[in-house]
Amino acid sequence: MKDKRREGLVELLGIGEEALGPGRVRCWLQAAEQHQNIQGVIHGVVAVALMDTAMGHALDGLLEPGEFCSTTQISIQFLRAARPGERLEAIGEVTRKGNRIAYLEGVCRNAAGELMGRAQGTWYVGRVRAEPDEAGP
């Protein structure tokens, strides 16, 4: 990622990340008891957050100065459960970046390489508005 960003959910969940090349990012986390649901498996939203982060950060690396992105739609398919103690890894990839909309795909795997989930989504690409000149008319 190009600029220093605010800390938040990524740090709270313990997500690490690595750029794999233009438009491609790997994120991971060590699933722990605090990530589980009432059935004792890792809550699905943890995998969603991992894939969403990998996908969004993959797009972030392709943005021009003054651009930002935000998820507008994401579809997730859960294929396998994870348990506390497992390392989860997601790869996010930009499949197409237009002027205002980008299309991305992501996958989430466990340490054995088994596919746990997959995602497809669209992201809005916006431009930061210039602040009005306070000394202006």
Protein backbone atom coordinates (compact mmCIF):
# COMPACT_ATOMS: atom_id res chain seq x y z
CA MET A 1 0.00 0.00 0.00
CA LYS A 2 1.32 3.39 -0.96
CA ASP A 3 0.24 5.66 1.88
CA LYS A 4 0.08 5.20 5.62
CA ARG A 5 -3.48 4.27 6.47
CA ARG A 6 -5.55 4.39 9.60
CA GLU A 7 -5.52 1.38 11.88
CA GLY A 8 -8.80 -0.49 12.33
CA LEU A 9 -10.40 -3.86 11.68
CA VAL A 10 -7.32 -5.31 9.94
CA GLU A 11 -5.29 -4.85 13.12
CA LEU A 12 -8.15 -5.93 15.39
CA LEU A 13 -8.49 -9.25 13.54
CA GLY A 14 -4.72 -9.69 13.22
CA ILE A 15 -4.56 -9.67 9.41
CA GLY A 16 -1.15 -9.56 7.73
CA GLU A 17 -0.62 -8.78 4.07
CA GLU A 18 1.84 -8.97 1.21
CA ALA A 19 1.67 -7.54 -2.31
CA LEU A 20 2.17 -10.27 -4.91
CA GLY A 21 2.32 -7.96 -7.90
CA PRO A 22 0.19 -5.30 -9.55
CA GLY A 23 -3.46 -5.90 -8.65
CA ARG A 24 -2.76 -8.97 -6.51
CA VAL A 25 -2.47 -9.20 -2.70
CA ARG A 26 -2.20 -12.06 -0.19
CA CYS A 27 -3.67 -11.61 3.31
CA TRP A 28 -3.53 -14.06 6.18
CA LEU A 29 -4.49 -14.51 9.79
CA GLN A 30 -4.03 -17.07 12.52
CA ALA A 31 -7.57 -18.08 13.47
CA ALA A 32 -8.05 -18.01 17.23
CA GLU A 33 -10.83 -18.63 19.73
CA GLN A 34 -11.93 -14.98 19.59
CA HIS A 35 -12.71 -15.51 15.87
CA GLN A 36 -15.14 -18.41 16.45
CA ASN A 37 -18.93 -18.44 16.40
CA ILE A 38 -21.26 -20.17 18.86
CA GLN A 39 -20.73 -23.54 17.11
CA GLY A 40 -16.96 -23.40 17.72
CA VAL A 41 -15.89 -22.82 14.11
CA ILE A 42 -14.43 -19.62 12.73
CA HIS A 43 -17.21 -17.12 12.05
CA GLY A 44 -17.86 -16.63 8.34
CA VAL A 45 -17.42 -12.88 8.65
CA VAL A 46 -13.72 -13.48 9.43
CA ALA A 47 -13.24 -15.15 6.02
CA VAL A 48 -15.29 -12.36 4.42
CA ALA A 49 -13.11 -9.71 6.06
CA LEU A 50 -9.96 -11.55 4.97
CA MET A 51 -11.10 -11.80 1.33
CA ASP A 52 -12.53 -8.26 1.25
CA THR A 53 -9.25 -6.91 2.61
CA ALA A 54 -7.14 -8.84 0.09
CA MET A 55 -9.37 -7.72 -2.78
CA GLY A 56 -9.62 -4.07 -1.71
CA HIS A 57 -5.89 -3.78 -1.08
CA ALA A 58 -5.18 -5.38 -4.48
CA LEU A 59 -7.19 -2.57 -6.08
CA ASP A 60 -5.65 0.07 -3.82
CA GLY A 61 -2.25 -0.71 -5.30
CA LEU A 62 -3.53 0.23 -8.78
CA LEU A 63 -5.10 3.55 -7.84
CA GLU A 64 -3.78 6.86 -9.09
CA PRO A 65 -2.92 9.66 -6.64
CA GLY A 66 -6.14 11.21 -5.36
CA GLU A 67 -8.23 8.08 -6.01
CA PHE A 68 -9.84 5.88 -3.36
CA CYS A 69 -11.94 2.73 -3.51
CA SER A 70 -14.78 1.16 -1.58
CA THR A 71 -16.63 -2.12 -1.82
CA THR A 72 -20.03 -1.72 -3.48
CA GLN A 73 -21.00 -5.38 -3.77
CA ILE A 74 -19.46 -8.66 -2.66
CA SER A 75 -20.71 -12.22 -3.06
CA ILE A 76 -19.26 -15.00 -0.94
CA GLN A 77 -19.49 -18.76 -1.23
CA PHE A 78 -18.42 -20.71 1.86
CA LEU A 79 -17.05 -24.15 1.00
CA ARG A 80 -15.45 -25.43 4.21
CA ALA A 81 -15.32 -24.49 7.89
CA ALA A 82 -12.19 -23.41 9.75
CA ARG A 83 -11.33 -23.96 13.38
CA PRO A 84 -9.30 -22.02 15.93
CA GLY A 85 -5.58 -22.63 15.45
CA GLU A 86 -5.74 -22.78 11.64
CA ARG A 87 -3.88 -20.27 9.50
CA LEU A 88 -6.16 -18.80 6.84
CA GLU A 89 -4.91 -17.15 3.69
CA ALA A 90 -6.76 -15.11 1.07
CA ILE A 91 -5.61 -13.96 -2.35
CA GLY A 92 -7.37 -10.96 -3.89
CA GLU A 93 -7.01 -10.08 -7.54
CA VAL A 94 -8.28 -7.28 -9.75
CA THR A 95 -9.86 -8.82 -12.85
CA ARG A 96 -10.80 -5.50 -14.48
CA LYS A 97 -10.42 -1.85 -13.48
CA GLY A 98 -12.55 0.68 -15.26
CA ASN A 99 -12.76 4.43 -14.77
CA ARG A 100 -15.23 4.22 -11.85
CA ILE A 101 -15.88 0.50 -11.24
CA ALA A 102 -13.45 -2.37 -10.67
CA TYR A 103 -14.15 -6.09 -10.62
CA LEU A 104 -12.30 -8.36 -8.24
CA GLU A 105 -12.08 -12.00 -7.23
CA GLY A 106 -10.77 -13.63 -4.08
CA VAL A 107 -10.19 -17.05 -2.59
CA CYS A 108 -9.58 -18.19 0.97
CA ARG A 109 -7.62 -21.36 1.83
CA ASN A 110 -6.50 -23.09 4.99
CA ALA A 111 -2.89 -24.14 5.71
CA ALA A 112 -3.47 -27.46 3.90
CA GLY A 113 -4.36 -25.47 0.76
CA GLU A 114 -8.02 -26.51 0.89
CA LEU A 115 -10.40 -23.99 -0.62
CA MET A 116 -12.56 -22.57 2.17
CA GLY A 117 -14.35 -19.79 0.34
CA ARG A 118 -14.42 -17.65 -2.75
CA ALA A 119 -15.65 -14.16 -3.48
CA GLN A 120 -16.48 -11.90 -6.38
CA GLY A 121 -17.21 -8.23 -6.06
CA THR A 122 -17.30 -4.74 -7.45
CA TRP A 123 -15.54 -1.71 -6.03
CA TYR A 124 -16.23 1.95 -6.66
CA VAL A 125 -13.24 4.02 -7.72
CA GLY A 126 -13.67 7.60 -6.60
CA ARG A 127 -11.65 10.76 -6.56
CA VAL A 128 -10.92 12.86 -3.53
CA ARG A 129 -12.59 16.23 -3.87
CA ALA A 130 -10.44 19.27 -3.41
CA GLU A 131 -11.25 21.28 -0.33
CA PRO A 132 -12.81 24.66 -1.16
CA ASP A 133 -10.35 27.49 -0.92
CA GLU A 134 -11.11 29.20 2.38
CA ALA A 135 -9.56 32.43 1.14
CA GLY A 136 -11.72 32.32 -2.01
CA PRO A 137 -14.62 34.58 -2.99
